[in-house]
Amino acid sequence: MAGPSKSLVLDPALQKYYELNANRYKYFKWTPRHAWTSIIYAIAIPATLTFVAYKTDGLFELRGKRKDDTMVEW
């Protein structure tokens, strides 16, 4: 008959992975690689995006024509 099995066998490798993932903070250690990755994601990328945003501010007119606008403007 169809239905749930009588015994459920869990994969030990998956159980180990789930346990490690749940307790990841216990096994984390700062290394030079982690530090550089954190600096890039926390400082370099936002700074670059901010610089590009300020440099391109006002360069493009993104507003489309509206109902009451005259064609002379376009």
PDB file of N, CA and C in Angstrom:
ATOM      1  N   MET A   1       0.829  -1.183   0.000  1.00  0.00           N
ATOM      2  CA  MET A   1       0.000   0.000   0.000  1.00  0.00           C
ATOM      3  C   MET A   1       0.878   1.253   0.000  1.00  0.00           C
ATOM      4  N   ALA A   2       0.332   2.286  -0.554  1.00  0.00           N
ATOM      5  CA  ALA A   2       1.047   3.557  -0.579  1.00  0.00           C
ATOM      6  C   ALA A   2       0.893   4.249   0.769  1.00  0.00           C
ATOM      7  N   GLY A   3       1.897   5.014   1.123  1.00  0.00           N
ATOM      8  CA  GLY A   3       1.841   5.715   2.395  1.00  0.00           C
ATOM      9  C   GLY A   3       3.230   5.921   2.938  1.00  0.00           C
ATOM     10  N   PRO A   4       3.311   6.490   4.120  1.00  0.00           N
ATOM     11  CA  PRO A   4       4.636   6.727   4.689  1.00  0.00           C
ATOM     12  C   PRO A   4       5.343   5.412   5.004  1.00  0.00           C
ATOM     13  N   SER A   5       6.657   5.447   4.866  1.00  0.00           N
ATOM     14  CA  SER A   5       7.411   4.219   5.129  1.00  0.00           C
ATOM     15  C   SER A   5       7.435   3.933   6.623  1.00  0.00           C
ATOM     16  N   LYS A   6       7.673   2.677   6.948  1.00  0.00           N
ATOM     17  CA  LYS A   6       7.660   2.279   8.349  1.00  0.00           C
ATOM     18  C   LYS A   6       8.904   2.746   9.078  1.00  0.00           C
ATOM     19  N   SER A   7      10.010   2.835   8.359  1.00  0.00           N
ATOM     20  CA  SER A   7      11.230   3.315   8.999  1.00  0.00           C
ATOM     21  C   SER A   7      11.875   4.360   8.094  1.00  0.00           C
ATOM     22  N   LEU A   8      12.190   5.461   8.666  1.00  0.00           N
ATOM     23  CA  LEU A   8      12.812   6.546   7.922  1.00  0.00           C
ATOM     24  C   LEU A   8      14.302   6.531   8.218  1.00  0.00           C
ATOM     25  N   VAL A   9      15.115   6.364   7.190  1.00  0.00           N
ATOM     26  CA  VAL A   9      16.559   6.321   7.356  1.00  0.00           C
ATOM     27  C   VAL A   9      17.113   7.672   6.925  1.00  0.00           C
ATOM     28  N   LEU A  10      17.721   8.379   7.861  1.00  0.00           N
ATOM     29  CA  LEU A  10      18.279   9.690   7.566  1.00  0.00           C
ATOM     30  C   LEU A  10      19.722   9.549   7.112  1.00  0.00           C
ATOM     31  N   ASP A  11      20.092  10.360   6.165  1.00  0.00           N
ATOM     32  CA  ASP A  11      21.462  10.337   5.643  1.00  0.00           C
ATOM     33  C   ASP A  11      22.392  10.982   6.668  1.00  0.00           C
ATOM     34  N   PRO A  12      23.406  10.286   7.154  1.00  0.00           N
ATOM     35  CA  PRO A  12      24.296  10.860   8.163  1.00  0.00           C
ATOM     36  C   PRO A  12      25.084  12.063   7.658  1.00  0.00           C
ATOM     37  N   ALA A  13      25.412  12.081   6.374  1.00  0.00           N
ATOM     38  CA  ALA A  13      26.152  13.223   5.825  1.00  0.00           C
ATOM     39  C   ALA A  13      25.290  14.478   5.834  1.00  0.00           C
ATOM     40  N   LEU A  14      24.019  14.330   5.480  1.00  0.00           N
ATOM     41  CA  LEU A  14      23.117  15.487   5.520  1.00  0.00           C
ATOM     42  C   LEU A  14      22.881  15.952   6.946  1.00  0.00           C
ATOM     43  N   GLN A  15      22.752  15.039   7.870  1.00  0.00           N
ATOM     44  CA  GLN A  15      22.557  15.416   9.261  1.00  0.00           C
ATOM     45  C   GLN A  15      23.759  16.194   9.792  1.00  0.00           C
ATOM     46  N   LYS A  16      24.945  15.767   9.412  1.00  0.00           N
ATOM     47  CA  LYS A  16      26.158  16.470   9.823  1.00  0.00           C
ATOM     48  C   LYS A  16      26.198  17.873   9.223  1.00  0.00           C
ATOM     49  N   TYR A  17      25.802  17.988   7.960  1.00  0.00           N
ATOM     50  CA  TYR A  17      25.762  19.298   7.288  1.00  0.00           C
ATOM     51  C   TYR A  17      24.748  20.218   7.959  1.00  0.00           C
ATOM     52  N   TYR A  18      23.569  19.717   8.256  1.00  0.00           N
ATOM     53  CA  TYR A  18      22.540  20.534   8.905  1.00  0.00           C
ATOM     54  C   TYR A  18      23.009  21.009  10.283  1.00  0.00           C
ATOM     55  N   GLU A  19      23.661  20.140  11.012  1.00  0.00           N
ATOM     56  CA  GLU A  19      24.169  20.499  12.345  1.00  0.00           C
ATOM     57  C   GLU A  19      25.255  21.572  12.235  1.00  0.00           C
ATOM     58  N   LEU A  20      26.158  21.413  11.275  1.00  0.00           N
ATOM     59  CA  LEU A  20      27.217  22.399  11.071  1.00  0.00           C
ATOM     60  C   LEU A  20      26.637  23.742  10.656  1.00  0.00           C
ATOM     61  N   ASN A  21      25.644  23.709   9.789  1.00  0.00           N
ATOM     62  CA  ASN A  21      25.044  24.946   9.308  1.00  0.00           C
ATOM     63  C   ASN A  21      24.307  25.673  10.429  1.00  0.00           C
ATOM     64  N   ALA A  22      23.660  24.947  11.308  1.00  0.00           N
ATOM     65  CA  ALA A  22      22.931  25.557  12.419  1.00  0.00           C
ATOM     66  C   ALA A  22      23.887  26.164  13.446  1.00  0.00           C
ATOM     67  N   ASN A  23      25.077  25.603  13.578  1.00  0.00           N
ATOM     68  CA  ASN A  23      26.054  26.081  14.561  1.00  0.00           C
ATOM     69  C   ASN A  23      27.273  26.733  13.901  1.00  0.00           C
ATOM     70  N   ARG A  24      27.056  27.354  12.775  1.00  0.00           N
ATOM     71  CA  ARG A  24      28.162  27.925  12.010  1.00  0.00           C
ATOM     72  C   ARG A  24      28.934  28.975  12.813  1.00  0.00           C
ATOM     73  N   TYR A  25      28.243  29.746  13.618  1.00  0.00           N
ATOM     74  CA  TYR A  25      28.904  30.803  14.389  1.00  0.00           C
ATOM     75  C   TYR A  25      29.925  30.234  15.377  1.00  0.00           C
ATOM     76  N   LYS A  26      29.747  28.994  15.796  1.00  0.00           N
ATOM     77  CA  LYS A  26      30.690  28.392  16.741  1.00  0.00           C
ATOM     78  C   LYS A  26      32.010  28.028  16.083  1.00  0.00           C
ATOM     79  N   TYR A  27      31.975  27.790  14.768  1.00  0.00           N
ATOM     80  CA  TYR A  27      33.164  27.328  14.057  1.00  0.00           C
ATOM     81  C   TYR A  27      33.831  28.428  13.231  1.00  0.00           C
ATOM     82  N   PHE A  28      33.262  29.642  13.243  1.00  0.00           N
ATOM     83  CA  PHE A  28      33.816  30.723  12.431  1.00  0.00           C
ATOM     84  C   PHE A  28      35.082  31.275  13.078  1.00  0.00           C
ATOM     85  N   LYS A  29      36.090  31.528  12.247  1.00  0.00           N
ATOM     86  CA  LYS A  29      37.331  32.109  12.731  1.00  0.00           C
ATOM     87  C   LYS A  29      37.767  33.183  11.733  1.00  0.00           C
ATOM     88  N   TRP A  30      38.148  34.352  12.257  1.00  0.00           N
ATOM     89  CA  TRP A  30      38.620  35.413  11.373  1.00  0.00           C
ATOM     90  C   TRP A  30      39.980  35.031  10.793  1.00  0.00           C
ATOM     91  N   THR A  31      40.037  35.070   9.487  1.00  0.00           N
ATOM     92  CA  THR A  31      41.285  34.839   8.774  1.00  0.00           C
ATOM     93  C   THR A  31      41.501  36.036   7.854  1.00  0.00           C
ATOM     94  N   PRO A  32      42.685  36.201   7.286  1.00  0.00           N
ATOM     95  CA  PRO A  32      42.890  37.312   6.347  1.00  0.00           C
ATOM     96  C   PRO A  32      41.902  37.284   5.175  1.00  0.00           C
ATOM     97  N   ARG A  33      41.571  36.105   4.707  1.00  0.00           N
ATOM     98  CA  ARG A  33      40.617  36.016   3.593  1.00  0.00           C
ATOM     99  C   ARG A  33      39.235  36.509   4.017  1.00  0.00           C
ATOM    100  N   HIS A  34      38.778  36.107   5.206  1.00  0.00           N
ATOM    101  CA  HIS A  34      37.476  36.572   5.695  1.00  0.00           C
ATOM    102  C   HIS A  34      37.485  38.077   5.903  1.00  0.00           C
ATOM    103  N   ALA A  35      38.596  38.596   6.397  1.00  0.00           N
ATOM    104  CA  ALA A  35      38.683  40.030   6.645  1.00  0.00           C
ATOM    105  C   ALA A  35      38.594  40.811   5.340  1.00  0.00           C
ATOM    106  N   TRP A  36      39.360  40.394   4.330  1.00  0.00           N
ATOM    107  CA  TRP A  36      39.323  41.111   3.051  1.00  0.00           C
ATOM    108  C   TRP A  36      37.956  40.998   2.390  1.00  0.00           C
ATOM    109  N   THR A  37      37.338  39.850   2.462  1.00  0.00           N
ATOM    110  CA  THR A  37      36.006  39.685   1.887  1.00  0.00           C
ATOM    111  C   THR A  37      35.003  40.597   2.589  1.00  0.00           C
ATOM    112  N   SER A  38      35.092  40.686   3.905  1.00  0.00           N
ATOM    113  CA  SER A  38      34.186  41.556   4.660  1.00  0.00           C
ATOM    114  C   SER A  38      34.416  43.022   4.312  1.00  0.00           C
ATOM    115  N   ILE A  39      35.672  43.413   4.174  1.00  0.00           N
ATOM    116  CA  ILE A  39      35.972  44.807   3.808  1.00  0.00           C
ATOM    117  C   ILE A  39      35.415  45.131   2.430  1.00  0.00           C
ATOM    118  N   ILE A  40      35.588  44.221   1.498  1.00  0.00           N
ATOM    119  CA  ILE A  40      35.097  44.472   0.137  1.00  0.00           C
ATOM    120  C   ILE A  40      33.579  44.619   0.131  1.00  0.00           C
ATOM    121  N   TYR A  41      32.874  43.707   0.812  1.00  0.00           N
ATOM    122  CA  TYR A  41      31.412  43.759   0.805  1.00  0.00           C
ATOM    123  C   TYR A  41      30.855  44.896   1.660  1.00  0.00           C
ATOM    124  N   ALA A  42      31.543  45.277   2.724  1.00  0.00           N
ATOM    125  CA  ALA A  42      31.012  46.284   3.637  1.00  0.00           C
ATOM    126  C   ALA A  42      31.448  47.701   3.291  1.00  0.00           C
ATOM    127  N   ILE A  43      32.596  47.861   2.631  1.00  0.00           N
ATOM    128  CA  ILE A  43      33.116  49.206   2.375  1.00  0.00           C
ATOM    129  C   ILE A  43      33.310  49.481   0.894  1.00  0.00           C
ATOM    130  N   ALA A  44      34.032  48.619   0.188  1.00  0.00           N
ATOM    131  CA  ALA A  44      34.421  48.914  -1.186  1.00  0.00           C
ATOM    132  C   ALA A  44      33.228  48.972  -2.139  1.00  0.00           C
ATOM    133  N   ILE A  45      32.350  48.008  -2.087  1.00  0.00           N
ATOM    134  CA  ILE A  45      31.216  47.987  -3.016  1.00  0.00           C
ATOM    135  C   ILE A  45      30.248  49.140  -2.750  1.00  0.00           C
ATOM    136  N   PRO A  46      29.825  49.408  -1.500  1.00  0.00           N
ATOM    137  CA  PRO A  46      28.962  50.568  -1.279  1.00  0.00           C
ATOM    138  C   PRO A  46      29.639  51.893  -1.645  1.00  0.00           C
ATOM    139  N   ALA A  47      30.936  52.009  -1.379  1.00  0.00           N
ATOM    140  CA  ALA A  47      31.636  53.245  -1.733  1.00  0.00           C
ATOM    141  C   ALA A  47      31.678  53.435  -3.245  1.00  0.00           C
ATOM    142  N   THR A  48      31.918  52.373  -3.979  1.00  0.00           N
ATOM    143  CA  THR A  48      31.935  52.460  -5.435  1.00  0.00           C
ATOM    144  C   THR A  48      30.562  52.822  -5.986  1.00  0.00           C
ATOM    145  N   LEU A  49      29.526  52.204  -5.482  1.00  0.00           N
ATOM    146  CA  LEU A  49      28.170  52.523  -5.941  1.00  0.00           C
ATOM    147  C   LEU A  49      27.783  53.958  -5.602  1.00  0.00           C
ATOM    148  N   THR A  50      28.184  54.429  -4.425  1.00  0.00           N
ATOM    149  CA  THR A  50      27.908  55.816  -4.049  1.00  0.00           C
ATOM    150  C   THR A  50      28.643  56.783  -4.967  1.00  0.00           C
ATOM    151  N   PHE A  51      29.897  56.504  -5.271  1.00  0.00           N
ATOM    152  CA  PHE A  51      30.683  57.357  -6.169  1.00  0.00           C
ATOM    153  C   PHE A  51      30.032  57.425  -7.551  1.00  0.00           C
ATOM    154  N   VAL A  52      29.634  56.286  -8.079  1.00  0.00           N
ATOM    155  CA  VAL A  52      28.992  56.265  -9.400  1.00  0.00           C
ATOM    156  C   VAL A  52      27.669  57.006  -9.363  1.00  0.00           C
ATOM    157  N   ALA A  53      26.911  56.863  -8.293  1.00  0.00           N
ATOM    158  CA  ALA A  53      25.625  57.553  -8.178  1.00  0.00           C
ATOM    159  C   ALA A  53      25.812  59.068  -8.148  1.00  0.00           C
ATOM    160  N   TYR A  54      26.803  59.556  -7.398  1.00  0.00           N
ATOM    161  CA  TYR A  54      27.040  60.995  -7.350  1.00  0.00           C
ATOM    162  C   TYR A  54      27.577  61.533  -8.673  1.00  0.00           C
ATOM    163  N   LYS A  55      28.403  60.752  -9.360  1.00  0.00           N
ATOM    164  CA  LYS A  55      28.955  61.202 -10.638  1.00  0.00           C
ATOM    165  C   LYS A  55      27.899  61.273 -11.741  1.00  0.00           C
ATOM    166  N   THR A  56      26.914  60.399 -11.704  1.00  0.00           N
ATOM    167  CA  THR A  56      25.902  60.373 -12.755  1.00  0.00           C
ATOM    168  C   THR A  56      24.612  61.069 -12.346  1.00  0.00           C
ATOM    169  N   ASP A  57      24.601  61.736 -11.211  1.00  0.00           N
ATOM    170  CA  ASP A  57      23.394  62.402 -10.738  1.00  0.00           C
ATOM    171  C   ASP A  57      23.041  63.556 -11.671  1.00  0.00           C
ATOM    172  N   GLY A  58      21.848  63.521 -12.225  1.00  0.00           N
ATOM    173  CA  GLY A  58      21.373  64.592 -13.092  1.00  0.00           C
ATOM    174  C   GLY A  58      21.827  64.486 -14.536  1.00  0.00           C
ATOM    175  N   LEU A  59      22.575  63.483 -14.918  1.00  0.00           N
ATOM    176  CA  LEU A  59      23.035  63.367 -16.300  1.00  0.00           C
ATOM    177  C   LEU A  59      21.943  62.852 -17.233  1.00  0.00           C
ATOM    178  N   PHE A  60      21.019  62.086 -16.708  1.00  0.00           N
ATOM    179  CA  PHE A  60      20.011  61.460 -17.554  1.00  0.00           C
ATOM    180  C   PHE A  60      18.628  61.947 -17.163  1.00  0.00           C
ATOM    181  N   GLU A  61      17.797  62.177 -18.161  1.00  0.00           N
ATOM    182  CA  GLU A  61      16.408  62.549 -17.933  1.00  0.00           C
ATOM    183  C   GLU A  61      15.574  61.288 -18.099  1.00  0.00           C
ATOM    184  N   LEU A  62      15.150  60.721 -17.014  1.00  0.00           N
ATOM    185  CA  LEU A  62      14.444  59.442 -17.051  1.00  0.00           C
ATOM    186  C   LEU A  62      12.921  59.596 -17.000  1.00  0.00           C
ATOM    187  N   ARG A  63      12.447  60.832 -16.869  1.00  0.00           N
ATOM    188  CA  ARG A  63      11.015  61.053 -16.794  1.00  0.00           C
ATOM    189  C   ARG A  63      10.422  60.951 -18.195  1.00  0.00           C
ATOM    190  N   GLY A  64       9.394  60.177 -18.335  1.00  0.00           N
ATOM    191  CA  GLY A  64       8.741  60.017 -19.634  1.00  0.00           C
ATOM    192  C   GLY A  64       7.749  61.132 -19.900  1.00  0.00           C
ATOM    193  N   LYS A  65       7.253  61.192 -21.115  1.00  0.00           N
ATOM    194  CA  LYS A  65       6.254  62.203 -21.472  1.00  0.00           C
ATOM    195  C   LYS A  65       4.944  61.863 -20.778  1.00  0.00           C
ATOM    196  N   ARG A  66       4.338  62.896 -20.233  1.00  0.00           N
ATOM    197  CA  ARG A  66       3.059  62.719 -19.564  1.00  0.00           C
ATOM    198  C   ARG A  66       1.941  63.285 -20.421  1.00  0.00           C
ATOM    199  N   LYS A  67       0.735  63.098 -19.964  1.00  0.00           N
ATOM    200  CA  LYS A  67      -0.452  63.462 -20.761  1.00  0.00           C
ATOM    201  C   LYS A  67      -0.488  64.950 -21.091  1.00  0.00           C
ATOM    202  N   ASP A  68      -0.171  65.817 -20.147  1.00  0.00           N
ATOM    203  CA  ASP A  68      -0.315  67.251 -20.368  1.00  0.00           C
ATOM    204  C   ASP A  68       0.955  67.905 -20.888  1.00  0.00           C
ATOM    205  N   ASP A  69       2.020  67.173 -21.124  1.00  0.00           N
ATOM    206  CA  ASP A  69       3.276  67.750 -21.637  1.00  0.00           C
ATOM    207  C   ASP A  69       3.109  68.081 -23.127  1.00  0.00           C
ATOM    208  N   THR A  70       3.761  69.160 -23.526  1.00  0.00           N
ATOM    209  CA  THR A  70       3.700  69.517 -24.948  1.00  0.00           C
ATOM    210  C   THR A  70       4.822  68.790 -25.681  1.00  0.00           C
ATOM    211  N   MET A  71       4.675  68.658 -26.980  1.00  0.00           N
ATOM    212  CA  MET A  71       5.673  67.992 -27.795  1.00  0.00           C
ATOM    213  C   MET A  71       6.931  68.857 -27.978  1.00  0.00           C
ATOM    214  N   VAL A  72       6.818  70.155 -27.687  1.00  0.00           N
ATOM    215  CA  VAL A  72       7.969  71.047 -27.843  1.00  0.00           C
ATOM    216  C   VAL A  72       9.083  70.649 -26.912  1.00  0.00           C
ATOM    217  N   GLU A  73       8.738  70.132 -25.728  1.00  0.00           N
ATOM    218  CA  GLU A  73       9.736  69.721 -24.774  1.00  0.00           C
ATOM    219  C   GLU A  73      10.492  68.492 -25.253  1.00  0.00           C
ATOM    220  N   TRP A  74       9.912  67.726 -26.139  1.00  0.00           N
ATOM    221  CA  TRP A  74      10.504  66.465 -26.551  1.00  0.00           C
ATOM    222  C   TRP A  74      11.069  66.620 -27.925  1.00  0.00           C
TER     223      TRP A  74
END
